[in-house]
Protein backbone atom coordinates (compact mmCIF):
# COMPACT_ATOMS: atom_id res chain seq x y z
CA MET A 1 -57.66 -40.10 -43.54
CA ARG A 2 -61.04 -40.97 -44.83
CA THR A 3 -62.86 -40.00 -42.03
CA LEU A 4 -61.93 -36.12 -42.76
CA ALA A 5 -61.80 -36.81 -46.27
CA ALA A 6 -65.48 -37.71 -45.96
CA PHE A 7 -65.59 -34.58 -43.62
CA LEU A 8 -64.16 -31.95 -46.00
CA LEU A 9 -66.16 -33.55 -49.23
CA GLY A 10 -68.89 -33.16 -46.84
CA LEU A 11 -68.28 -29.28 -46.68
CA PHE A 12 -68.52 -28.86 -50.54
CA LEU A 13 -71.78 -30.72 -50.37
CA THR A 14 -74.38 -29.35 -48.48
CA SER A 15 -76.50 -26.88 -50.61
CA PRO A 16 -77.15 -27.80 -53.94
CA ALA A 17 -75.27 -25.75 -56.50
CA TRP A 18 -75.80 -25.99 -60.74
CA ALA A 19 -73.28 -27.14 -62.72
CA ASP A 20 -72.61 -23.55 -64.59
CA SER A 21 -72.68 -21.60 -61.16
CA THR A 22 -70.47 -21.35 -58.46
CA ILE A 23 -70.88 -21.42 -54.69
CA ASP A 24 -70.62 -17.05 -54.73
CA LEU A 25 -73.50 -16.64 -56.97
CA LEU A 26 -76.24 -18.95 -54.30
CA GLY A 27 -78.42 -16.56 -52.22
CA ALA A 28 -77.18 -16.07 -48.50
CA GLY A 29 -78.33 -18.56 -45.96
CA ALA A 30 -79.01 -18.21 -42.39
CA ALA A 31 -75.94 -18.52 -39.75
CA LEU A 32 -74.49 -21.82 -38.65
CA ALA A 33 -76.59 -22.78 -35.59
CA GLY A 34 -74.01 -26.40 -35.08
CA THR A 35 -76.99 -28.55 -35.67
CA GLU A 36 -77.37 -28.45 -39.31
CA LYS A 37 -76.24 -31.90 -40.83
CA LEU A 38 -73.31 -32.61 -42.86
CA PRO A 39 -73.78 -35.48 -45.47
CA MET A 40 -70.57 -37.87 -44.66
CA PHE A 41 -69.99 -41.13 -46.60
CA GLN A 42 -69.02 -43.94 -45.19
CA THR A 43 -68.66 -46.66 -47.89
CA ALA A 44 -70.95 -46.55 -50.03
CA ASN A 45 -74.19 -44.85 -51.36
CA PRO A 46 -76.72 -43.50 -49.78
CA ALA A 47 -74.73 -41.32 -47.96
CA VAL A 48 -75.38 -40.51 -44.09
CA THR A 49 -75.19 -37.16 -42.11
CA THR A 50 -74.29 -36.16 -38.98
CA THR A 51 -73.60 -32.89 -36.77
CA PRO A 52 -70.89 -30.56 -36.20
CA ALA A 53 -70.83 -31.99 -32.24
CA ALA A 54 -70.61 -35.29 -33.57
CA LEU A 55 -67.89 -35.03 -35.31
CA LYS A 56 -65.75 -33.31 -32.91
CA THR A 57 -67.24 -36.53 -30.70
CA PHE A 58 -65.67 -38.55 -33.11
CA VAL A 59 -62.18 -36.87 -33.35
CA THR A 60 -61.85 -36.78 -29.57
CA ALA A 61 -62.80 -40.37 -29.07
CA THR A 62 -60.53 -41.75 -31.49
CA GLY A 63 -57.71 -39.99 -29.75
CA VAL A 64 -56.23 -38.07 -32.74
CA VAL A 65 -56.23 -34.62 -31.45
CA THR A 66 -57.43 -33.41 -27.77
CA SER A 67 -57.14 -29.59 -28.68
CA ILE A 68 -55.69 -27.20 -31.01
CA THR A 69 -54.69 -23.62 -29.81
CA ASN A 70 -52.85 -20.27 -30.46
CA SER A 71 -51.32 -18.04 -28.98
CA ASP A 72 -48.55 -14.90 -29.39
CA GLY A 73 -48.23 -16.69 -33.14
CA THR A 74 -47.54 -20.23 -31.81
CA LEU A 75 -49.70 -23.04 -32.62
CA THR A 76 -49.72 -26.21 -30.24
CA ILE A 77 -51.35 -29.21 -31.38
CA SER A 78 -52.00 -31.26 -27.92
CA PRO A 79 -52.52 -35.27 -28.29
CA THR A 80 -54.77 -37.15 -25.99
CA SER A 81 -51.71 -39.25 -24.44
CA GLY A 82 -48.18 -40.73 -25.16
CA ALA A 83 -47.18 -38.32 -27.34
CA ALA A 84 -44.40 -35.35 -27.45
CA VAL A 85 -46.02 -30.95 -27.05
CA ALA A 86 -45.68 -30.17 -30.20
CA SER A 87 -45.38 -26.76 -31.21
CA LEU A 88 -45.30 -25.00 -34.33
CA ALA A 89 -44.24 -21.58 -34.77
CA LEU A 90 -46.19 -19.58 -37.61
CA GLY A 91 -43.79 -16.62 -38.06
CA HIS A 92 -45.45 -14.46 -35.88
CA ALA A 93 -43.44 -10.87 -34.49
CA ASN A 94 -44.45 -9.70 -30.84
CA THR A 95 -43.44 -6.31 -29.49
CA TRP A 96 -43.58 -6.07 -25.41
CA THR A 97 -43.19 -2.63 -24.72
CA GLY A 98 -43.26 -3.60 -20.80
CA ILE A 99 -42.48 -6.00 -18.57
CA GLN A 100 -44.87 -9.22 -19.10
CA THR A 101 -46.38 -11.23 -16.16
CA PHE A 102 -47.41 -15.15 -16.65
CA SER A 103 -49.63 -16.71 -14.32
CA THR A 104 -49.27 -20.52 -13.32
CA ALA A 105 -52.20 -21.18 -15.44
CA ASN A 106 -50.82 -19.20 -18.58
CA GLY A 107 -47.42 -19.23 -18.06
CA ILE A 108 -44.13 -20.59 -20.29
CA VAL A 109 -43.25 -24.31 -19.67
CA TYR A 110 -40.66 -26.47 -21.58
CA SER A 111 -41.01 -30.30 -22.91
CA GLY A 112 -41.89 -32.57 -20.21
CA ALA A 113 -43.17 -29.65 -17.90
CA THR A 114 -46.69 -29.55 -16.10
CA THR A 115 -48.41 -26.39 -17.26
CA GLY A 116 -47.79 -23.44 -15.30
CA THR A 117 -44.79 -25.32 -13.51
CA GLN A 118 -41.64 -22.71 -13.76
CA VAL A 119 -38.68 -24.52 -14.65
CA ALA A 120 -36.37 -21.66 -15.77
CA CYS A 121 -35.92 -18.26 -17.15
CA LEU A 122 -35.58 -17.55 -20.92
CA GLY A 123 -32.30 -15.09 -21.60
CA LEU A 124 -30.84 -14.30 -24.65
CA ASP A 125 -27.49 -15.59 -26.79
CA ALA A 126 -25.27 -13.70 -28.67
CA SER A 127 -27.07 -13.77 -31.29
CA ASN A 128 -30.16 -12.25 -29.49
CA ASN A 129 -32.26 -15.30 -30.03
CA VAL A 130 -34.05 -16.05 -26.86
CA ILE A 131 -32.83 -19.22 -25.38
CA LYS A 132 -33.94 -21.05 -22.07
CA SER A 133 -31.33 -19.70 -19.22
CA ALA A 134 -28.96 -21.55 -17.55
CA ALA A 135 -29.46 -20.06 -14.51
CA ALA A 136 -32.20 -20.43 -12.22
CA CYS A 137 -34.92 -17.49 -11.97
CA GLY A 138 -34.30 -14.77 -9.80
CA SER A 139 -30.38 -15.28 -9.78
CA GLY A 140 -27.86 -12.81 -12.11
CA GLY A 141 -28.44 -9.93 -10.42
CA GLY A 142 -32.34 -9.08 -10.48
CA GLY A 143 -34.07 -7.23 -8.47
CA THR A 144 -33.79 -3.66 -7.69
CA PRO A 145 -30.82 -1.40 -6.71
CA ALA A 146 -30.00 0.46 -3.42
CA GLY A 147 -28.91 3.17 -1.97
CA PRO A 148 -28.22 6.16 -4.38
CA SER A 149 -26.65 6.72 -7.49
CA SER A 150 -22.98 4.94 -7.96
CA ALA A 151 -23.82 3.45 -4.74
CA VAL A 152 -21.69 -0.30 -4.28
CA GLN A 153 -24.56 -3.12 -3.82
CA TYR A 154 -23.47 -5.85 -1.40
CA ASN A 155 -25.18 -8.55 -0.22
CA ASN A 156 -28.01 -7.32 2.87
CA SER A 157 -29.59 -10.73 4.31
CA SER A 158 -30.06 -11.73 0.59
CA ALA A 159 -31.13 -8.22 -0.55
CA PHE A 160 -29.72 -5.66 -2.13
CA GLY A 161 -27.81 -3.18 0.00
CA GLY A 162 -26.05 0.39 -0.82
CA ASP A 163 -25.40 3.11 0.68
CA ALA A 164 -23.68 6.50 -0.16
CA SER A 165 -20.52 5.84 2.41
CA PHE A 166 -19.04 3.32 0.06
CA GLU A 167 -19.28 5.11 -4.11
CA PHE A 168 -17.91 3.60 -7.01
CA VAL A 169 -17.95 6.37 -9.99
CA ALA A 170 -16.80 6.00 -13.10
CA PRO A 171 -13.96 5.69 -14.39
CA GLY A 172 -12.53 4.13 -11.85
CA LYS A 173 -13.33 6.06 -9.02
CA VAL A 174 -13.86 4.91 -5.51
CA THR A 175 -15.12 6.78 -2.39
CA ILE A 176 -14.62 5.54 1.26
CA ALA A 177 -16.51 7.91 3.71
CA GLY A 178 -16.43 5.91 7.36
CA GLY A 179 -18.16 9.40 9.34
CA SER A 180 -17.97 9.97 12.69
CA ILE A 181 -17.15 6.65 14.50
CA ALA A 182 -16.83 6.24 18.72
CA ALA A 183 -15.42 2.77 18.11
CA ASN A 184 -12.25 1.25 16.45
CA ALA A 185 -13.60 0.08 12.64
CA ALA A 186 -11.01 -0.38 10.31
CA ALA A 187 -12.36 1.40 6.81
CA LEU A 188 -10.29 -1.19 4.53
CA THR A 189 -8.56 -4.64 5.46
CA ILE A 190 -6.54 -6.65 3.55
CA THR A 191 -5.87 -10.00 4.80
CA GLN A 192 -3.97 -12.53 2.69
CA THR A 193 -1.55 -15.89 3.69
CA TRP A 194 1.04 -16.49 0.78
CA ASN A 195 2.19 -19.88 0.51
CA ASN A 196 4.91 -20.95 -2.28
CA ASN A 197 8.24 -19.81 -2.45
CA ALA A 198 8.76 -19.86 -6.49
CA VAL A 199 5.92 -16.98 -6.49
CA VAL A 200 7.12 -13.91 -6.00
CA PHE A 201 3.65 -11.88 -4.88
CA ASP A 202 2.88 -8.26 -5.46
CA ALA A 203 2.20 -6.09 -2.95
CA PRO A 204 -1.70 -6.12 -0.96
CA LEU A 205 -1.60 -2.65 -2.30
CA LEU A 206 -0.26 -2.27 -5.66
CA VAL A 207 -0.45 1.26 -7.60
CA ASN A 208 1.05 1.05 -11.18
CA VAL A 209 0.72 4.81 -12.90
CA THR A 210 1.30 5.66 -16.41
CA ASN A 211 3.08 9.18 -16.13
CA THR A 212 2.38 11.07 -19.71
CA LEU A 213 1.81 13.91 -18.59
CA SER A 214 1.52 15.53 -14.88
CA GLY A 215 2.02 18.59 -12.75
CA ALA A 216 4.96 19.03 -10.71
CA ASN A 217 3.33 18.08 -7.51
CA SER A 218 1.70 14.90 -8.11
CA LEU A 219 1.69 12.56 -5.62
CA LEU A 220 1.34 8.50 -5.68
CA ALA A 221 0.19 8.68 -2.23
CA ASP A 222 -0.74 11.26 0.53
CA PHE A 223 -2.41 10.63 4.08
CA GLN A 224 -3.48 13.54 5.67
CA VAL A 225 -5.32 14.39 9.08
CA GLY A 226 -8.02 16.54 9.25
CA ALA A 227 -7.17 18.45 5.69
CA SER A 228 -3.35 18.52 6.44
CA SER A 229 -0.95 15.86 4.79
CA LEU A 230 1.72 14.15 7.16
CA PHE A 231 2.37 11.78 4.95
CA ASN A 232 3.16 11.58 0.77
CA VAL A 233 4.81 10.23 -1.72
CA THR A 234 6.20 12.08 -5.14
CA LYS A 235 5.81 11.41 -8.36
CA THR A 236 9.35 10.80 -8.70
CA GLY A 237 9.78 8.94 -5.30
CA LEU A 238 10.35 11.37 -2.88
CA VAL A 239 8.83 10.87 0.49
CA ASN A 240 8.01 13.74 2.70
CA ILE A 241 6.82 13.44 6.40
CA ALA A 242 5.49 16.10 8.63
CA ALA A 243 7.43 18.04 11.00
CA GLY A 244 8.21 17.06 14.60
CA PRO A 245 9.12 15.96 16.99
CA THR A 246 6.13 14.10 16.93
CA ALA A 247 6.26 13.50 13.42
CA GLY A 248 8.53 10.97 11.92
CA ILE A 249 10.31 7.86 11.11
CA GLN A 250 10.12 5.99 14.37
CA ILE A 251 11.75 2.89 14.65
CA GLY A 252 11.55 -0.14 17.30
CA GLY A 253 8.15 0.65 18.04
CA THR A 254 6.62 2.55 21.58
CA GLY A 255 8.04 0.80 24.05
CA GLY A 256 11.66 -0.07 24.70
CA LEU A 257 14.60 1.36 23.27
CA GLN A 258 13.45 3.41 20.04
CA ALA A 259 15.10 5.83 17.40
CA LEU A 260 13.40 8.66 16.06
CA ILE A 261 14.08 10.78 13.13
CA TYR A 262 12.22 14.14 12.40
CA VAL A 263 12.84 17.84 11.57
CA ASP A 264 12.86 20.11 14.88
CA THR A 265 11.36 23.39 13.57
CA THR A 266 11.63 24.97 17.17
CA GLY A 267 15.41 25.62 16.26
CA THR A 268 16.95 25.76 12.61
CA ASN A 269 15.08 22.96 11.15
CA SER A 270 17.44 20.55 11.90
CA LEU A 271 17.50 16.74 11.31
CA VAL A 272 17.15 15.51 14.94
CA ILE A 273 17.85 11.47 15.10
CA SER A 274 17.14 10.48 19.00
CA SER A 275 17.59 7.24 20.66
CA ASN A 276 16.21 5.62 23.66
CA ASN A 277 12.87 6.93 24.71
CA PHE A 278 13.45 10.42 22.58
CA GLY A 279 15.59 11.62 25.67
CA THR A 280 18.58 14.11 24.86
CA ASN A 281 20.69 10.91 23.38
CA GLY A 282 20.59 11.08 19.79
CA VAL A 283 21.88 13.46 16.71
CA MET A 284 21.16 16.29 14.92
CA ILE A 285 21.97 17.61 11.72
CA GLY A 286 21.13 21.03 10.44
CA GLY A 287 22.20 23.73 8.19
CA ASN A 288 26.25 23.62 8.32
CA ASN A 289 25.87 21.81 11.82
CA PHE A 290 26.29 18.55 12.85
CA TYR A 291 25.56 17.90 16.65
CA VAL A 292 25.87 14.76 18.80
CA GLY A 293 23.64 14.81 22.11
CA ASN A 294 24.88 14.79 25.64
CA ALA A 295 26.74 11.18 26.34
CA SER A 296 26.30 10.35 22.93
CA VAL A 297 29.45 9.26 20.50
CA ILE A 298 30.52 9.05 17.16
CA GLY A 299 31.79 6.07 16.81
CA TRP A 300 33.51 3.69 15.10
CA LYS A 301 34.23 0.03 15.21
CA SER A 302 37.07 -2.67 13.60
CA SER A 303 35.37 -4.09 9.46
CA THR A 304 35.45 -7.28 10.89
CA ALA A 305 33.53 -6.79 14.33
CA ASN A 306 30.03 -6.45 14.82
CA THR A 307 27.88 -3.79 14.92
CA VAL A 308 26.18 -4.01 17.63
CA GLY A 309 28.16 -3.40 21.06
CA SER A 310 30.47 -0.68 21.88
CA PRO A 311 32.92 1.33 19.51
CA ASP A 312 36.51 0.27 20.01
CA THR A 313 37.08 4.37 18.96
CA ALA A 314 34.82 7.13 20.02
CA LEU A 315 34.52 10.96 20.03
CA PHE A 316 32.01 11.68 23.02
CA ARG A 317 31.81 14.97 24.66
CA GLY A 318 33.04 15.08 28.04
CA ALA A 319 31.51 16.16 31.64
CA THR A 320 32.51 19.64 30.78
CA ALA A 321 30.97 21.83 27.97
CA GLY A 322 33.55 22.86 25.19
CA TYR A 323 35.93 19.16 25.88
CA LEU A 324 36.24 16.47 23.09
CA SER A 325 37.23 12.93 24.15
CA LEU A 326 38.47 10.33 22.75
CA ALA A 327 37.73 6.96 24.10
CA ASN A 328 37.83 2.94 23.36
CA GLN A 329 34.75 2.22 24.69
CA SER A 330 34.95 -1.50 24.15
CA SER A 331 37.95 -1.32 26.31
CA PHE A 332 38.53 1.74 28.62
CA THR A 333 42.24 0.53 29.97
CA SER A 334 43.49 0.55 26.12
CA GLY A 335 44.98 3.89 25.23
CA THR A 336 43.88 6.22 22.16
CA GLY A 337 45.10 8.41 19.66
CA PHE A 338 45.38 11.07 17.15
CA ALA A 339 47.53 11.32 13.86
CA VAL A 340 47.65 14.32 11.91
CA TYR A 341 48.76 13.30 8.20
CA ASN A 342 51.48 15.24 5.94
CA THR A 343 51.36 12.81 3.24
CA VAL A 344 49.81 9.07 3.21
CA ASP A 345 49.43 5.98 0.62
CA ASN A 346 46.07 4.91 2.51
CA PRO A 347 45.37 6.04 5.63
CA SER A 348 43.51 3.04 7.31
CA SER A 349 46.46 0.76 6.98
CA PRO A 350 49.52 3.13 6.31
CA THR A 351 52.69 1.80 4.71
CA ASN A 352 54.23 5.32 3.23
CA TYR A 353 53.73 8.22 5.59
CA GLU A 354 54.60 11.36 7.30
CA ARG A 355 52.24 12.64 10.23
CA GLY A 356 51.93 14.38 13.78
CA VAL A 357 50.58 12.43 16.70
CA PHE A 358 49.37 13.29 19.62
CA ASP A 359 48.53 9.66 21.16
CA TRP A 360 49.10 6.82 23.53
CA THR A 361 49.65 3.84 21.63
CA THR A 362 53.07 4.83 20.37
CA GLN A 363 54.78 4.11 23.98
CA THR A 364 53.04 1.29 25.50
CA SER A 365 55.89 0.17 28.32
CA PRO A 366 56.07 1.66 29.98
CA VAL A 367 52.82 3.82 28.87
CA ALA A 368 53.87 7.39 27.94
CA LEU A 369 52.46 9.59 25.64
CA SER A 370 53.86 10.92 22.60
CA ILE A 371 54.04 13.80 21.03
CA GLY A 372 55.85 14.89 18.18
CA SER A 373 56.15 13.49 14.33
CA GLN A 374 56.70 9.96 13.09
CA SER A 375 57.12 8.70 9.49
CA GLY A 376 56.91 5.52 7.18
CA GLY A 377 58.81 3.35 4.56
CA THR A 378 59.38 6.60 1.80
CA GLY A 379 58.32 9.21 4.03
CA SER A 380 61.23 11.44 5.60
CA ALA A 381 61.12 12.62 9.42
CA ARG A 382 60.04 16.25 9.56
CA PRO A 383 61.12 18.45 12.87
CA VAL A 384 58.39 19.36 15.13
CA LEU A 385 58.33 23.23 16.43
CA PHE A 386 56.40 24.64 19.70
CA VAL A 387 55.09 27.28 18.75
CA SER A 388 53.75 30.61 21.37
CA SER A 389 53.07 33.86 20.25
CA GLY A 390 51.97 35.11 23.76
CA MET A 391 54.63 34.86 26.14
CA PHE A 392 54.30 34.70 30.55
CA ALA A 393 55.20 37.88 32.20
CA ALA A 394 54.58 39.53 34.79
CA ALA A 395 52.97 42.55 33.03
CA GLY A 396 51.13 40.37 30.37
CA PRO A 397 49.88 36.89 30.67
CA ALA A 398 51.20 35.88 34.58
CA LEU A 399 52.20 32.22 35.54
CA PRO A 400 49.54 29.97 37.65
CA ALA A 401 50.62 29.30 40.33
CA CYS A 402 53.15 26.61 41.14
CA ASN A 403 51.83 24.12 43.71
CA THR A 404 50.74 20.41 44.78
CA THR A 405 46.83 21.52 44.77
CA ALA A 406 45.40 18.51 43.07
CA VAL A 407 43.16 19.59 40.68
CA PRO A 408 40.54 17.77 38.38
CA GLY A 409 43.06 15.99 35.97
CA TYR A 410 45.84 17.03 38.16
CA PRO A 411 45.98 15.15 41.61
CA ASN A 412 49.80 16.61 41.81
CA GLY A 413 48.52 20.20 40.73
CA THR A 414 51.01 22.20 38.72
CA LYS A 415 54.15 20.45 39.90
CA GLY A 416 56.20 19.78 36.79
CA PHE A 417 54.52 22.70 34.40
CA GLN A 418 56.55 24.14 32.02
CA ALA A 419 56.45 27.59 30.58
CA VAL A 420 58.20 30.17 28.77
CA VAL A 421 58.90 33.86 30.19
CA SER A 422 60.14 36.56 28.58
CA ASP A 423 60.79 39.08 31.44
CA ALA A 424 64.01 37.03 33.28
CA THR A 425 66.18 38.99 35.24
CA ALA A 426 69.88 36.96 35.61
CA PRO A 427 68.49 33.73 35.15
CA THR A 428 70.58 30.75 36.91
CA TYR A 429 69.93 27.46 36.67
CA ASN A 430 67.44 25.72 38.99
CA ALA A 431 67.16 29.05 40.56
CA THR A 432 63.82 30.89 41.36
CA TYR A 433 62.16 32.78 38.52
CA THR A 434 62.53 36.85 39.12
CA SER A 435 60.46 38.69 36.60
CA GLY A 436 61.40 42.05 35.82
CA GLY A 437 64.16 41.69 33.10
CA ALA A 438 64.32 41.76 29.33
CA ILE A 439 65.62 37.84 29.47
CA VAL A 440 63.33 35.04 27.86
CA ALA A 441 63.52 32.14 29.51
CA HIS A 442 62.49 28.21 30.13
CA VAL A 443 61.17 27.95 33.76
CA VAL A 444 59.49 25.11 35.70
CA CYS A 445 57.27 24.39 38.17
CA ASN A 446 58.99 22.17 41.05
CA GLY A 447 55.66 21.86 43.30
CA THR A 448 56.72 25.45 45.08
CA ASN A 449 58.50 28.03 42.94
CA TRP A 450 58.91 28.74 39.05
CA VAL A 451 62.30 27.76 38.69
CA THR A 452 64.61 28.78 35.74
CA GLN A 453 66.64 26.36 33.14
């Protein structure tokens, strides 16, 4: 400290001055050359002199300060060794209008680092103060985006990649344009592994729309080919599928037993339910019609039976057009029948009823066809009327031939057939029927002739 004081005192004593004058009144002197003598005091008078160069050598040799620099508003004092680098901010504000580049010889370093060595990047905190960034330099999105505006950026061999085929446009509109391809390439693939029984997972593709206002035909999903919609879901949950038979709902995959539900536009816009590789078997529902394909059945099974297999009661088309059949497909040797109720308390398990029957189930030993009326519980027995508005006559509907020639369904021909005629002549019991009269009579085929009864 005494050395520094002597230096400062010497600055004031380099030129003589009168006691009643100030240094400003002195005459102009020559510019400093660095070799001027500076008076210094060392212990006692007389004073000794020195030069600025000698003073600098003295300060450096004693290890007080090696350099003093001022750059961009910061005063840096560097000691010779053994002390930390200190910086003194002078409050200088600097505004940069462009990107600043720092060389390795003139860079920004932190305490303990070698000059020119990059240790981290500068960043801004929440209050816009310049701070040391935790991320390494070059990380955190630096670089120039690739592709056109709105192109989504991706890692393309450690560089930014972007293409017009994958774009994001605010607010929340993503476009994937796969372009023309000659090989299989899925535009969007979603894979997940669900591995927690306690979690109810959302669908990998979730759409949740808040419908404040929208047009009546607004869609939640729409799948198109050639700008033509093949499948869509409306905002009300209505599912629309293009008309078939190549479009519809297919069950069972593309091989083996299949079922297809579609709309047949070649006919009456009927709903078709076909099975067995889309053959003629199936169901068609259209307008006021309900159709079942050839050899297909409308079937029922008991409530306790497995739904797979043949039904115990089935309606189906016979081999001849216009022929309706009723059979037990689970047991072809078991009889079936029809019941037409007049009154009933429970059709599936009746207790009190009145009904007409045509069945093979009432009389099973010996087996017989029952045609008539039945009653149970509080039901009343009802008579049966066989009504014919037209009777056989020689001049009208003729009786069929009476013979024993076998025909499909009738191995004994017409033998045993009964009829009513309206033109019998003097009928007597078991006599051959003779027409030409005006008598109503009951006749039976004995295998050779119609005879009156």
